[in-house]
């Protein structure tokens, strides 16, 4: 796990980057699904309304054809001239009832109308449309003649009815339908006033509701950005029929529909992402905890330098590398001069400050790849890879000079710190770290004996 400690920051940052990437992918996927389902809903609604509008138009055309056929039959087979006796009128009544009996949504009957009412009939030959009993009724009247009594006109009335189609089962149309959808319809025939109707889709049926011209827009219908409507204009010059359709917004609140359709999947996705983030967070905490534990096991708690055990392990690894290469390796063993006097004068707190000050200077002076460790109370080790004795002498002299030029401010007092150094170099494959430390320790002792604040080398 050493590589985890050495790359802890990179591991944690990489883990969070992976987590963020997963979240971004999930968000993109959800957004794509949202837009796809919305497009499917709009497409399905457009198709459903297009089919129903075509059916309504075709049905109205057939009904107009029925009324025109009745007029054509009357013109092709005119009744005898003169007045109509009661027997003939009765026969006409029975004939019309018999002809339309059993024909769905078609009613025809012959009736007597007082002559003074005939003039008030609006265009007897033009079918009239009105909304009644939840459907569109089309009525046309033809004047057959007059009774022999001279008091009545004989009228044949033809009625057709258009009732909205029931909605297909929800299993058949799937998400292609939204409750409470409203489609506004305007129907006009010839010179008759337009009929305005609202179709409201609720449950499994479509209800026709009468409205006035005030409910119909007087300007061109505009579509708001992202809020599509169903708009259709059908004009049939042959039958003088004109139908206009426009709906309310087809997806007024699609987000709630999307959540209801995908609630379980979204919940599972959120749970998975939360689990991934939790694992990443816990992994980061574990790496931090392991790093703290590793640092406590490998570092000196006071100075932050490597401790003796870790320094020995790293030195053995470096020596193995030197033997394989081969290369050069030197060791500097340092001991702070008169450290006991510092402790006696300034106390253990002052001694601790001197140790930290000394360690900081060492860290600032050595090269990046050099190893610095505290291996005893006031004893320190510097391992110099790829360095011969000449380079080690230069480093030792530099350290001594920096210490002479530096002082520690403690409790209003400036404390000067010096050290003695033993310098030794690796002598070949038969040499080892333990032997080098023994030699460096002897050289350090000689530096102490010679007056301190100096180094002694092989």
Protein backbone atom coordinates (compact mmCIF):
# COMPACT_ATOMS: atom_id res chain seq x y z
CA UNK A 1 0.00 0.00 0.00
CA UNK A 2 3.04 2.31 -0.03
CA UNK A 3 2.16 3.51 -3.53
CA UNK A 4 -1.30 4.52 -2.23
CA UNK A 5 0.33 6.65 0.47
CA UNK A 6 2.80 8.17 -1.95
CA UNK A 7 0.01 8.92 -4.44
CA UNK A 8 -2.79 9.54 -1.93
CA UNK A 9 -3.79 12.89 -3.38
CA UNK A 10 -3.77 11.55 -6.95
CA UNK A 11 -5.81 8.50 -5.90
CA UNK A 12 -8.44 10.62 -4.14
CA UNK A 13 -8.65 13.17 -6.94
CA UNK A 14 -8.87 10.37 -9.50
CA UNK A 15 -11.65 8.68 -7.52
CA UNK A 16 -13.67 11.89 -7.34
CA UNK A 17 -13.10 12.52 -11.05
CA UNK A 18 -14.47 9.04 -11.78
CA UNK A 19 -17.45 9.79 -9.54
CA UNK A 20 -18.10 13.09 -11.31
CA UNK A 21 -17.80 11.39 -14.71
CA UNK A 22 -20.35 8.77 -13.63
CA UNK A 23 -22.71 11.51 -12.45
CA UNK A 24 -22.30 13.41 -15.73
CA UNK A 25 -22.95 10.23 -17.73
CA UNK A 26 -26.04 9.53 -15.61
CA UNK A 27 -27.34 13.09 -16.03
CA UNK A 28 -26.76 12.94 -19.79
CA UNK A 29 -28.54 9.57 -19.93
CA UNK A 30 -31.52 10.84 -17.92
CA UNK A 31 -31.72 14.01 -20.04
CA UNK A 32 -31.58 11.93 -23.22
CA UNK A 33 -34.32 9.63 -21.92
CA UNK A 34 -36.38 12.68 -20.91
CA UNK A 35 -36.15 14.20 -24.40
CA UNK A 36 -36.78 10.84 -26.11
CA UNK A 37 -39.88 10.11 -24.04
CA UNK A 38 -41.15 13.65 -24.53
CA UNK A 39 -40.63 13.34 -28.28
CA UNK A 40 -42.43 9.97 -28.28
CA UNK A 41 -45.30 11.45 -26.29
CA UNK A 42 -45.64 14.39 -28.67
CA UNK A 43 -45.37 12.11 -31.69
CA UNK A 44 -47.99 9.76 -30.27
CA UNK A 45 -50.35 12.59 -29.40
CA UNK A 46 -49.90 14.19 -32.81
CA UNK A 47 -50.61 10.84 -34.50
CA UNK A 48 -53.65 10.17 -32.28
CA UNK A 49 -55.12 13.61 -32.89
CA UNK A 50 -54.34 13.45 -36.61
CA UNK A 51 -56.19 10.14 -36.84
CA UNK A 52 -59.19 11.45 -34.91
CA UNK A 53 -59.33 14.67 -36.92
CA UNK A 54 -59.22 12.68 -40.18
CA UNK A 55 -61.96 10.39 -38.90
CA UNK A 56 -64.10 13.39 -37.92
CA UNK A 57 -63.59 15.00 -41.32
CA UNK A 58 -64.40 11.77 -43.19
CA UNK A 59 -67.52 11.23 -41.08
CA UNK A 60 -68.78 14.76 -41.74
CA UNK A 61 -68.15 14.32 -45.46
CA UNK A 62 -70.14 11.06 -45.45
CA UNK A 63 -72.98 12.73 -43.60
CA UNK A 64 -73.02 15.63 -46.05
CA UNK A 65 -73.08 13.08 -48.85
CA UNK A 66 -76.07 11.43 -47.17
CA UNK A 67 -77.97 14.72 -47.09
CA UNK A 68 -77.01 15.49 -50.68
CA UNK A 69 -78.13 12.01 -51.70
CA UNK A 70 -81.55 12.58 -50.17
CA UNK A 71 -81.88 15.80 -52.11
CA UNK A 72 -80.71 14.11 -55.31
CA UNK A 73 -83.23 11.29 -54.85
CA UNK A 74 -86.01 13.79 -54.35
CA UNK A 75 -85.01 15.63 -57.47
CA UNK A 76 -84.73 12.41 -59.47
CA UNK A 77 -88.11 11.12 -58.26
CA UNK A 78 -90.30 14.16 -57.73
CA UNK A 79 -93.68 13.75 -56.13
CA UNK A 80 -96.81 14.26 -58.26
CA UNK A 81 -97.72 17.87 -58.87
CA UNK A 82 -100.56 19.34 -56.96
CA UNK A 83 -101.51 18.88 -53.37
CA UNK A 84 -100.60 15.82 -51.37
CA UNK A 85 -103.55 13.82 -50.09
CA UNK A 86 -103.43 12.50 -46.56
CA UNK A 87 -102.94 8.95 -47.81
CA UNK A 88 -99.87 9.96 -49.81
CA UNK A 89 -98.47 11.83 -46.83
CA UNK A 90 -98.99 8.76 -44.63
CA UNK A 91 -97.24 6.58 -47.19
CA UNK A 92 -94.28 8.97 -47.26
CA UNK A 93 -94.09 8.88 -43.48
CA UNK A 94 -94.07 5.07 -43.42
CA UNK A 95 -91.55 4.92 -46.26
CA UNK A 96 -89.03 7.24 -44.59
CA UNK A 97 -89.32 5.39 -41.28
CA UNK A 98 -88.86 2.05 -43.04
CA UNK A 99 -85.88 3.23 -45.09
CA UNK A 100 -83.93 4.50 -42.06
CA UNK A 101 -84.96 1.77 -39.63
CA UNK A 102 -81.87 0.05 -38.23
CA UNK A 103 -79.45 2.54 -39.78
CA UNK A 104 -77.20 3.76 -36.99
CA UNK A 105 -76.96 7.50 -36.43
CA UNK A 106 -79.39 8.28 -39.29
CA UNK A 107 -82.96 9.38 -38.74
CA UNK A 108 -85.45 10.47 -41.39
CA UNK A 109 -89.07 11.30 -41.07
CA UNK A 110 -91.84 13.16 -42.90
CA UNK A 111 -93.97 15.64 -41.00
CA UNK A 112 -96.58 18.30 -41.46
CA UNK A 113 -95.58 21.88 -40.68
CA UNK A 114 -98.05 24.78 -40.58
CA UNK A 115 -97.60 26.87 -43.69
CA UNK A 116 -96.98 30.01 -41.66
CA UNK A 117 -93.85 28.29 -40.17
CA UNK A 118 -92.27 27.27 -43.45
CA UNK A 119 -90.96 30.74 -44.24
CA UNK A 120 -89.08 30.77 -40.93
CA UNK A 121 -87.13 27.61 -41.74
CA UNK A 122 -83.48 28.57 -42.36
CA UNK A 123 -82.46 27.50 -45.86
CA UNK A 124 -84.44 24.28 -45.93
CA UNK A 125 -82.09 22.68 -48.42
CA UNK A 126 -78.81 23.41 -46.52
CA UNK A 127 -77.83 21.04 -43.68
CA UNK A 128 -77.62 22.75 -40.30
CA UNK A 129 -75.14 21.64 -37.61
CA UNK A 130 -75.51 21.92 -33.87
CA UNK A 131 -74.16 20.22 -30.78
CA UNK A 132 -76.68 18.11 -28.92
CA UNK A 133 -76.46 15.18 -26.50
CA UNK A 134 -72.68 15.09 -26.68
CA UNK A 135 -72.54 14.80 -30.47
CA UNK A 136 -72.75 16.90 -33.63
CA UNK A 137 -76.16 16.67 -35.27
CA UNK A 138 -76.59 17.64 -38.92
CA UNK A 139 -80.15 18.36 -40.05
CA UNK A 140 -81.48 19.05 -43.54
CA UNK A 141 -85.09 19.63 -44.62
CA UNK A 142 -86.68 19.23 -48.03
CA UNK A 143 -90.10 20.60 -48.95
CA UNK A 144 -92.16 17.77 -50.45
CA UNK A 145 -95.33 19.75 -51.08
CA UNK A 146 -98.54 20.92 -49.41
CA UNK A 147 -101.51 19.10 -47.99
CA UNK A 148 -104.77 19.30 -49.87
CA UNK A 149 -106.30 21.10 -46.90
CA UNK A 150 -103.95 24.00 -47.67
CA UNK A 151 -102.98 24.43 -44.04
CA UNK A 152 -99.78 22.33 -43.86
CA UNK A 153 -96.53 22.00 -45.71
CA UNK A 154 -95.07 18.50 -45.91
CA UNK A 155 -91.40 18.46 -44.88
CA UNK A 156 -88.92 15.59 -45.03
CA UNK A 157 -86.27 15.99 -42.35
CA UNK A 158 -82.97 14.05 -42.40
CA UNK A 159 -80.79 13.90 -39.28
CA UNK A 160 -77.31 12.46 -38.94
CA UNK A 161 -75.29 12.35 -35.73
CA UNK A 162 -71.55 12.28 -35.10
CA UNK A 163 -70.45 11.01 -31.70
CA UNK A 164 -66.76 11.08 -30.76
CA UNK A 165 -64.85 7.84 -30.99
CA UNK A 166 -64.09 6.20 -27.65
CA UNK A 167 -60.43 6.26 -26.78
CA UNK A 168 -58.41 3.10 -27.41
CA UNK A 169 -57.36 1.13 -24.33
CA UNK A 170 -54.44 2.68 -22.51
CA UNK A 171 -52.44 -0.49 -23.18
CA UNK A 172 -52.79 0.24 -26.90
CA UNK A 173 -51.86 3.93 -26.89
CA UNK A 174 -49.32 3.73 -24.06
CA UNK A 175 -47.96 7.14 -23.14
CA UNK A 176 -49.46 8.79 -26.23
CA UNK A 177 -52.21 10.44 -24.24
CA UNK A 178 -52.47 12.96 -21.44
CA UNK A 179 -55.60 13.40 -19.35
CA UNK A 180 -57.45 16.72 -19.59
CA UNK A 181 -56.10 17.48 -23.06
CA UNK A 182 -58.32 20.01 -24.86
CA UNK A 183 -58.63 20.39 -28.63
CA UNK A 184 -60.57 23.36 -30.02
CA UNK A 185 -62.54 22.70 -33.22
CA UNK A 186 -64.32 25.06 -35.60
CA UNK A 187 -66.62 23.54 -38.27
CA UNK A 188 -68.23 25.59 -41.01
CA UNK A 189 -70.29 24.50 -44.02
CA UNK A 190 -71.17 26.80 -46.82
CA UNK A 191 -72.51 30.11 -45.61
CA UNK A 192 -73.84 28.76 -42.33
CA UNK A 193 -72.35 30.14 -39.08
CA UNK A 194 -69.38 28.09 -37.81
CA UNK A 195 -69.91 25.56 -35.04
CA UNK A 196 -67.35 25.88 -32.22
CA UNK A 197 -66.65 22.79 -30.12
CA UNK A 198 -64.08 21.81 -27.49
CA UNK A 199 -63.01 18.17 -27.31
CA UNK A 200 -61.91 17.25 -23.80
CA UNK A 201 -60.15 13.92 -23.29
CA UNK A 202 -60.86 12.51 -19.85
CA UNK A 203 -60.61 8.95 -18.67
CA UNK A 204 -61.42 6.65 -21.58
CA UNK A 205 -63.64 9.02 -23.54
CA UNK A 206 -63.68 12.28 -25.45
CA UNK A 207 -66.40 14.76 -24.54
CA UNK A 208 -67.73 17.43 -26.90
CA UNK A 209 -68.44 20.73 -25.15
CA UNK A 210 -70.12 23.71 -26.85
CA UNK A 211 -68.20 26.98 -26.84
CA UNK A 212 -68.57 30.34 -28.51
CA UNK A 213 -66.49 32.22 -31.04
CA UNK A 214 -64.89 34.09 -28.13
CA UNK A 215 -62.95 30.91 -27.32
CA UNK A 216 -61.41 30.81 -30.77
CA UNK A 217 -58.24 32.84 -31.44
CA UNK A 218 -58.71 35.74 -33.78
CA UNK A 219 -55.02 35.82 -34.75
CA UNK A 220 -52.73 33.18 -36.18
CA UNK A 221 -51.99 30.40 -33.73
CA UNK A 222 -48.37 30.61 -32.61
CA UNK A 223 -46.44 27.80 -30.96
CA UNK A 224 -44.36 28.61 -27.93
CA UNK A 225 -40.80 27.40 -27.87
CA UNK A 226 -40.74 23.77 -26.72
CA UNK A 227 -44.51 23.67 -26.11
CA UNK A 228 -45.98 22.09 -29.24
CA UNK A 229 -49.65 22.11 -30.16
CA UNK A 230 -51.67 20.07 -32.59
CA UNK A 231 -52.73 22.41 -35.40
CA UNK A 232 -54.62 21.35 -38.52
CA UNK A 233 -56.69 23.13 -41.13
CA UNK A 234 -58.84 21.01 -43.50
CA UNK A 235 -60.77 22.63 -46.30
CA UNK A 236 -62.96 20.74 -48.82
CA UNK A 237 -64.21 23.05 -51.60
CA UNK A 238 -66.29 20.25 -53.12
CA UNK A 239 -68.51 19.98 -50.06
CA UNK A 240 -67.94 23.58 -48.87
CA UNK A 241 -66.64 22.11 -45.62
CA UNK A 242 -63.95 23.77 -43.49
CA UNK A 243 -62.50 22.27 -40.28
CA UNK A 244 -59.92 23.90 -38.03
CA UNK A 245 -58.21 22.21 -35.10
CA UNK A 246 -55.79 23.52 -32.51
CA UNK A 247 -54.98 22.01 -29.16
CA UNK A 248 -53.81 23.29 -25.86
CA UNK A 249 -50.15 22.62 -25.07
CA UNK A 250 -49.62 18.88 -25.46
CA UNK A 251 -47.06 18.55 -22.66
CA UNK A 252 -47.92 21.21 -20.06
CA UNK A 253 -46.24 19.34 -17.21
CA UNK A 254 -44.14 16.58 -18.71
CA UNK A 255 -41.68 16.49 -15.81
CA UNK A 256 -44.28 15.01 -13.45
CA UNK A 257 -45.20 12.43 -16.09
CA UNK A 258 -41.53 11.58 -16.61
CA UNK A 259 -41.03 11.10 -12.88
CA UNK A 260 -44.12 8.90 -12.61
CA UNK A 261 -43.05 6.73 -15.56
CA UNK A 262 -39.42 6.39 -14.46
CA UNK A 263 -39.68 6.77 -10.69
CA UNK A 264 -38.32 3.32 -9.83
CA UNK A 265 -35.44 3.49 -12.30
CA UNK A 266 -34.49 7.01 -11.23
CA UNK A 267 -34.60 5.99 -7.58
CA UNK A 268 -32.31 3.05 -8.30
CA UNK A 269 -29.96 5.29 -10.30
CA UNK A 270 -29.80 7.88 -7.51
CA UNK A 271 -29.19 5.09 -5.01
CA UNK A 272 -26.36 3.65 -7.11
CA UNK A 273 -24.73 7.06 -7.58
CA UNK A 274 -25.08 7.80 -3.87
CA UNK A 275 -23.47 4.43 -3.10
CA UNK A 276 -20.58 5.16 -5.47
CA UNK A 277 -20.03 8.60 -3.92
CA UNK A 278 -20.23 7.11 -0.43
CA UNK A 279 -17.66 4.45 -1.37
CA UNK A 280 -15.37 7.14 -2.82
CA UNK A 281 -15.76 9.27 0.31
CA UNK A 282 -15.11 6.30 2.62
CA UNK A 283 -12.12 5.27 0.48
CA UNK A 284 -10.70 8.78 0.83
CA UNK A 285 -11.18 8.64 4.59
CA UNK A 286 -9.49 5.22 4.72
CA UNK A 287 -6.56 6.51 2.64
CA UNK A 288 -6.24 9.50 4.98
CA UNK A 289 -6.40 7.25 8.03
CA UNK A 290 -3.85 4.86 6.56
CA UNK A 291 -1.67 7.84 5.64
CA UNK A 292 -1.80 9.12 9.22
CA UNK A 293 -1.00 5.65 10.52
CA UNK A 294 1.82 5.21 7.99
CA UNK A 295 3.26 8.62 8.82
CA UNK A 296 3.14 7.84 12.52
CA UNK A 297 5.01 4.60 11.83
CA UNK A 298 7.62 6.08 9.49
CA UNK A 299 8.09 9.69 10.60
CA UNK A 300 9.48 11.36 13.67
CA UNK A 301 6.54 12.99 15.44
CA UNK A 302 8.52 16.10 16.44
CA UNK A 303 10.52 17.03 13.34
CA UNK A 304 8.52 15.30 10.60
CA UNK A 305 11.71 13.62 9.30
CA UNK A 306 11.97 9.88 8.70
CA UNK A 307 12.47 7.87 11.89
CA UNK A 308 15.28 5.36 12.36
CA UNK A 309 13.33 2.28 11.25
CA UNK A 310 12.09 3.85 8.01
CA UNK A 311 15.47 5.42 7.33
CA UNK A 312 17.18 2.04 7.61
CA UNK A 313 14.66 0.45 5.24
CA UNK A 314 15.08 3.23 2.67
CA UNK A 315 18.87 3.14 3.04
CA UNK A 316 18.94 -0.63 2.41
CA UNK A 317 16.77 -0.14 -0.69
CA UNK A 318 19.08 2.61 -1.95
CA UNK A 319 22.14 0.46 -1.31
CA UNK A 320 20.57 -2.37 -3.33
CA UNK A 321 20.06 0.06 -6.19
CA UNK A 322 23.67 1.26 -5.95
CA UNK A 323 24.94 -2.32 -6.09
CA UNK A 324 22.86 -3.03 -9.21
CA UNK A 325 23.82 0.17 -11.03
CA UNK A 326 26.67 0.51 -9.76
CA UNK A 327 26.94 4.04 -8.42
CA UNK A 328 28.19 5.99 -5.43
CA UNK A 329 26.63 6.56 -2.02
CA UNK A 330 27.66 8.61 1.02
CA UNK A 331 26.35 8.95 4.56
CA UNK A 332 26.49 12.00 6.83
CA UNK A 333 25.93 11.35 10.54
CA UNK A 334 25.20 14.59 12.44
CA UNK A 335 24.96 15.36 16.14
CA UNK A 336 23.93 18.73 17.61
CA UNK A 337 26.70 20.22 19.72
CA UNK A 338 26.05 20.81 23.43
CA UNK A 339 22.40 19.76 23.16
CA UNK A 340 22.27 18.75 26.83
CA UNK A 341 23.28 22.30 27.73
CA UNK A 342 20.40 23.63 25.60
CA UNK A 343 17.93 21.39 27.47
CA UNK A 344 19.34 22.44 30.81
CA UNK A 345 19.21 26.14 29.89
CA UNK A 346 15.92 26.42 28.02
CA UNK A 347 14.09 23.31 29.14
CA UNK A 348 12.70 20.51 27.04
CA UNK A 349 10.45 22.92 25.13
CA UNK A 350 13.50 24.89 24.08
CA UNK A 351 15.27 21.67 23.15
CA UNK A 352 12.30 20.62 21.02
CA UNK A 353 12.38 23.96 19.21
CA UNK A 354 16.10 23.53 18.51
CA UNK A 355 15.46 20.04 17.09
CA UNK A 356 12.71 21.35 14.80
CA UNK A 357 14.87 24.31 13.75
CA UNK A 358 17.80 22.00 12.97
CA UNK A 359 15.58 19.57 10.99
CA UNK A 360 14.11 22.44 8.98
CA UNK A 361 17.56 23.71 8.00
CA UNK A 362 18.62 20.22 6.92
CA UNK A 363 15.52 19.82 4.75
CA UNK A 364 16.07 23.20 3.13
CA UNK A 365 19.74 22.51 2.39
CA UNK A 366 19.85 18.97 0.98
CA UNK A 367 18.79 18.01 -2.52
CA UNK A 368 15.30 16.72 -3.30
CA UNK A 369 16.37 13.09 -3.70
CA UNK A 370 18.54 13.06 -0.55
CA UNK A 371 17.21 11.33 2.56
CA UNK A 372 17.13 13.09 5.94
CA UNK A 373 16.19 11.25 9.14
CA UNK A 374 16.29 11.67 12.90
CA UNK A 375 17.74 8.43 14.25
CA UNK A 376 18.30 9.40 17.89
CA UNK A 377 17.70 12.15 20.42
CA UNK A 378 19.86 14.83 18.77
CA UNK A 379 21.40 12.54 16.14
CA UNK A 380 20.49 12.86 12.46
CA UNK A 381 21.31 10.96 9.28
CA UNK A 382 21.67 12.24 5.71
CA UNK A 383 21.87 9.73 2.86
CA UNK A 384 23.39 11.14 -0.35
CA UNK A 385 22.69 8.94 -3.40
CA UNK A 386 24.90 9.30 -6.50
CA UNK A 387 27.40 11.33 -4.47
CA UNK A 388 31.13 10.69 -3.97
CA UNK A 389 33.26 11.86 -1.03
CA UNK A 390 34.04 15.19 -2.67
CA UNK A 391 30.33 15.94 -3.04
CA UNK A 392 29.70 14.77 0.53
CA UNK A 393 32.43 17.13 1.81
CA UNK A 394 30.82 19.99 -0.07
CA UNK A 395 27.42 19.20 1.44
CA UNK A 396 28.87 18.91 4.96
CA UNK A 397 30.67 22.23 4.65
CA UNK A 398 27.53 23.90 3.33
CA UNK A 399 25.48 22.60 6.26
CA UNK A 400 28.03 23.80 8.80
CA UNK A 401 28.17 27.26 7.22
CA UNK A 402 24.38 27.62 7.09
CA UNK A 403 24.16 26.67 10.77
CA UNK A 404 26.82 29.25 11.67
CA UNK A 405 24.86 31.94 9.81
CA UNK A 406 21.48 31.01 11.35
CA UNK A 407 20.07 31.52 14.83
CA UNK A 408 16.84 30.47 16.53
CA UNK A 409 14.68 33.07 18.27
CA UNK A 410 13.22 31.48 21.39
CA UNK A 411 11.64 33.25 24.36
CA UNK A 412 13.35 36.52 23.40
CA UNK A 413 16.75 34.86 23.12
CA UNK A 414 18.79 34.11 20.01
CA UNK A 415 20.16 30.58 20.15
CA UNK A 416 23.06 29.54 17.94
CA UNK A 417 23.16 25.92 16.83
CA UNK A 418 26.19 23.98 15.56
CA UNK A 419 26.80 20.32 14.88
CA UNK A 420 29.51 17.75 14.32
CA UNK A 421 29.45 15.50 11.26
CA UNK A 422 30.95 12.15 10.36
CA UNK A 423 31.24 11.51 6.60
CA UNK A 424 31.75 8.11 4.99
CA UNK A 425 31.33 6.60 1.54
CA UNK A 426 30.27 3.20 0.27
CA UNK A 427 33.36 1.05 -0.34
CA UNK A 428 32.00 -1.65 -2.62
CA UNK A 429 29.77 -4.76 -2.67
CA UNK A 430 31.27 -6.07 0.58
CA UNK A 431 30.21 -2.88 2.39
CA UNK A 432 26.76 -2.43 3.98
CA UNK A 433 24.67 0.19 5.71
CA UNK A 434 25.44 -1.04 9.21
CA UNK A 435 29.18 -0.88 8.58
CA UNK A 436 28.87 2.60 7.07
CA UNK A 437 26.95 3.80 10.14
CA UNK A 438 29.62 2.41 12.45
CA UNK A 439 32.35 4.22 10.50
CA UNK A 440 30.32 7.45 10.39
CA UNK A 441 29.73 7.24 14.13
CA UNK A 442 33.47 6.87 14.79
CA UNK A 443 34.21 9.82 12.52
CA UNK A 444 31.51 11.85 14.30
CA UNK A 445 33.18 11.04 17.62
CA UNK A 446 36.48 12.29 16.21
CA UNK A 447 34.81 15.55 15.13
CA UNK A 448 33.54 15.99 18.67
CA UNK A 449 37.01 15.31 20.05
CA UNK A 450 38.57 17.83 17.67
CA UNK A 451 36.42 20.69 18.97
CA UNK A 452 32.98 20.26 17.39
CA UNK A 453 31.39 22.42 14.63
CA UNK A 454 33.29 20.47 11.97
CA UNK A 455 33.19 17.32 9.91
CA UNK A 456 35.62 14.40 9.75
CA UNK A 457 35.68 12.10 6.73
CA UNK A 458 37.17 8.79 5.60
